[in-house]
C-alpha atoms as a PDB file:
ATOM      1  CA  MET A   1       0.032  -0.153  -0.022  1.00  0.00           C
ATOM      2  CA  ASP A   2       3.018   2.428  -0.044  1.00  0.00           C
ATOM      3  CA  TRP A   3       2.849   2.561  -3.711  1.00  0.00           C
ATOM      4  CA  LEU A   4      -0.627   4.422  -3.473  1.00  0.00           C
ATOM      5  CA  GLY A   5       1.110   6.996  -1.684  1.00  0.00           C
ATOM      6  CA  TYR A   6       3.493   7.569  -4.525  1.00  0.00           C
ATOM      7  CA  LEU A   7       0.673   7.773  -7.151  1.00  0.00           C
ATOM      8  CA  ILE A   8      -1.450  10.172  -5.809  1.00  0.00           C
ATOM      9  CA  PRO A   9       0.944  13.166  -6.261  1.00  0.00           C
ATOM     10  CA  LEU A  10       1.295  12.111  -9.622  1.00  0.00           C
ATOM     11  CA  ALA A  11      -2.453  11.808 -10.752  1.00  0.00           C
ATOM     12  CA  PRO A  12      -2.803  15.504 -11.638  1.00  0.00           C
ATOM     13  CA  PHE A  13      -0.100  14.907 -14.077  1.00  0.00           C
ATOM     14  CA  GLY A  14      -1.840  12.014 -15.541  1.00  0.00           C
ATOM     15  CA  LEU A  15      -4.958  13.623 -15.779  1.00  0.00           C
ATOM     16  CA  GLY A  16      -3.682  16.652 -17.235  1.00  0.00           C
ATOM     17  CA  GLY A  17      -1.805  14.293 -19.938  1.00  0.00           C
ATOM     18  CA  LEU A  18      -5.183  12.506 -20.472  1.00  0.00           C
ATOM     19  CA  TRP A  19      -7.018  15.878 -21.189  1.00  0.00           C
ATOM     20  CA  ILE A  20      -4.375  17.001 -23.503  1.00  0.00           C
ATOM     21  CA  TRP A  21      -4.490  13.776 -25.578  1.00  0.00           C
ATOM     22  CA  THR A  22      -8.332  13.627 -25.715  1.00  0.00           C
ATOM     23  CA  SER A  23      -8.706  17.456 -26.792  1.00  0.00           C
ATOM     24  CA  HIS A  24      -5.904  16.620 -29.616  1.00  0.00           C
ATOM     25  CA  GLN A  25      -7.965  13.544 -30.838  1.00  0.00           C
ATOM     26  CA  SER A  26     -11.194  15.472 -30.843  1.00  0.00           C
ATOM     27  CA  LYS A  27      -9.358  18.350 -33.012  1.00  0.00           C
ATOM     28  CA  MET A  28      -8.096  15.364 -35.360  1.00  0.00           C
ATOM     29  CA  ILE A  29     -11.506  14.051 -35.777  1.00  0.00           C
ATOM     30  CA  ASP A  30     -12.887  17.650 -36.669  1.00  0.00           C
ATOM     31  CA  LYS A  31     -10.150  18.118 -39.088  1.00  0.00           C
ATOM     32  CA  GLN A  32     -10.750  14.826 -40.746  1.00  0.00           C
ATOM     33  CA  LYS A  33     -14.579  15.610 -41.105  1.00  0.00           C
ATOM     34  CA  GLU A  34     -13.706  18.875 -42.648  1.00  0.00           C
ATOM     35  CA  LEU A  35     -11.395  17.225 -45.285  1.00  0.00           C
ATOM     36  CA  LEU A  36     -13.964  14.759 -46.083  1.00  0.00           C
ATOM     37  CA  LEU A  37     -16.760  17.381 -46.697  1.00  0.00           C
ATOM     38  CA  LEU A  38     -14.314  19.611 -48.537  1.00  0.00           C
ATOM     39  CA  GLY A  39     -13.405  16.709 -50.800  1.00  0.00           C
ATOM     40  CA  LYS A  40     -17.001  15.900 -51.651  1.00  0.00           C
ATOM     41  CA  SER A  41     -18.102  19.619 -52.172  1.00  0.00           C
ATOM     42  CA  ALA A  42     -15.162  20.917 -54.337  1.00  0.00           C
ATOM     43  CA  PRO A  43     -16.226  18.878 -57.782  1.00  0.00           C
ATOM     44  CA  GLU A  44     -19.854  20.607 -57.135  1.00  0.00           C
ATOM     45  CA  SER A  45     -18.190  24.255 -57.444  1.00  0.00           C
ATOM     46  CA  GLU A  46     -17.313  25.707 -60.676  1.00  0.00           C
ATOM     47  CA  ASP A  47     -13.730  26.071 -59.895  1.00  0.00           C
ATOM     48  CA  GLY A  48     -13.700  22.348 -58.722  1.00  0.00           C
ATOM     49  CA  ARG A  49     -15.372  21.297 -61.853  1.00  0.00           C
ATOM     50  CA  ARG A  50     -12.911  23.194 -64.183  1.00  0.00           C
ATOM     51  CA  MET A  51      -9.843  21.717 -62.123  1.00  0.00           C
ATOM     52  CA  ASN A  52     -11.226  18.187 -62.654  1.00  0.00           C
ATOM     53  CA  GLU A  53     -11.408  18.962 -66.450  1.00  0.00           C
ATOM     54  CA  ASP A  54      -8.121  20.372 -66.558  1.00  0.00           C
ATOM     55  CA  MET A  55      -6.462  17.417 -64.701  1.00  0.00           C
ATOM     56  CA  LYS A  56      -8.291  15.030 -66.980  1.00  0.00           C
ATOM     57  CA  TYR A  57      -6.996  16.776 -70.069  1.00  0.00           C
ATOM     58  CA  LEU A  58      -3.302  17.036 -68.833  1.00  0.00           C
ATOM     59  CA  LYS A  59      -3.742  13.285 -67.959  1.00  0.00           C
ATOM     60  CA  GLU A  60      -4.296  12.587 -71.363  1.00  0.00           C
ATOM     61  CA  ARG A  61      -1.472  14.621 -72.687  1.00  0.00           C
ATOM     62  CA  VAL A  62       0.962  13.013 -70.362  1.00  0.00           C
ATOM     63  CA  ALA A  63      -0.302   9.591 -71.346  1.00  0.00           C
ATOM     64  CA  THR A  64       0.209  10.517 -74.919  1.00  0.00           C
ATOM     65  CA  LEU A  65       3.534  11.882 -74.274  1.00  0.00           C
ATOM     66  CA  GLU A  66       4.584   8.585 -72.577  1.00  0.00           C
ATOM     67  CA  LYS A  67       3.561   6.666 -75.603  1.00  0.00           C
ATOM     68  CA  ILE A  68       5.894   8.930 -77.731  1.00  0.00           C
ATOM     69  CA  VAL A  69       8.800   8.522 -75.465  1.00  0.00           C
ATOM     70  CA  THR A  70       8.455   4.775 -74.824  1.00  0.00           C
ATOM     71  CA  ASP A  71       7.393   3.774 -78.418  1.00  0.00           C
ATOM     72  CA  GLU A  72      10.461   2.903 -80.415  1.00  0.00           C
ATOM     73  CA  ARG A  73       8.498   3.627 -83.727  1.00  0.00           C
ATOM     74  CA  GLY A  74       7.565   6.855 -82.420  1.00  0.00           C
ATOM     75  CA  ALA A  75      11.102   7.753 -81.652  1.00  0.00           C
ATOM     76  CA  ARG A  76      12.488   7.075 -85.118  1.00  0.00           C
ATOM     77  CA  GLU A  77       9.721   9.068 -86.754  1.00  0.00           C
ATOM     78  CA  LEU A  78      10.323  11.729 -84.434  1.00  0.00           C
ATOM     79  CA  GLU A  79      14.021  11.867 -85.044  1.00  0.00           C
ATOM     80  CA  SER A  80      13.389  11.750 -89.020  1.00  0.00           C
ATOM     81  CA  GLU A  81      10.624  14.617 -88.581  1.00  0.00           C
ATOM     82  CA  ILE A  82      13.325  16.745 -86.810  1.00  0.00           C
ATOM     83  CA  ALA A  83      16.158  15.960 -89.245  1.00  0.00           C
ATOM     84  CA  LYS A  84      13.556  17.112 -91.996  1.00  0.00           C
ATOM     85  CA  LEU A  85      12.969  20.319 -90.187  1.00  0.00           C
ATOM     86  CA  LYS A  86      16.738  20.896 -89.586  1.00  0.00           C
ATOM     87  CA  ASP A  87      17.509  20.504 -93.484  1.00  0.00           C
ATOM     88  CA  SER A  88      14.753  22.808 -94.625  1.00  0.00           C
END
């Protein structure tokens, strides 16, 4: 029972730590809810819709450029076109 005498003075520190931890968890949950709501409402706005269209367009462009770069036939054609342009 002597250990109980040592724990009683430490109780306020434990309760303070518990309070800090629970308030932090509450704030994190609120932030997660906010991000989820923001993520769902963004495409509904005009800016969100425009950004989605731009992202789709850019992804298509990047896919096309990747095909050109990785396609051996495309690389040879590109080199011949560049050579033709240099000659003219």
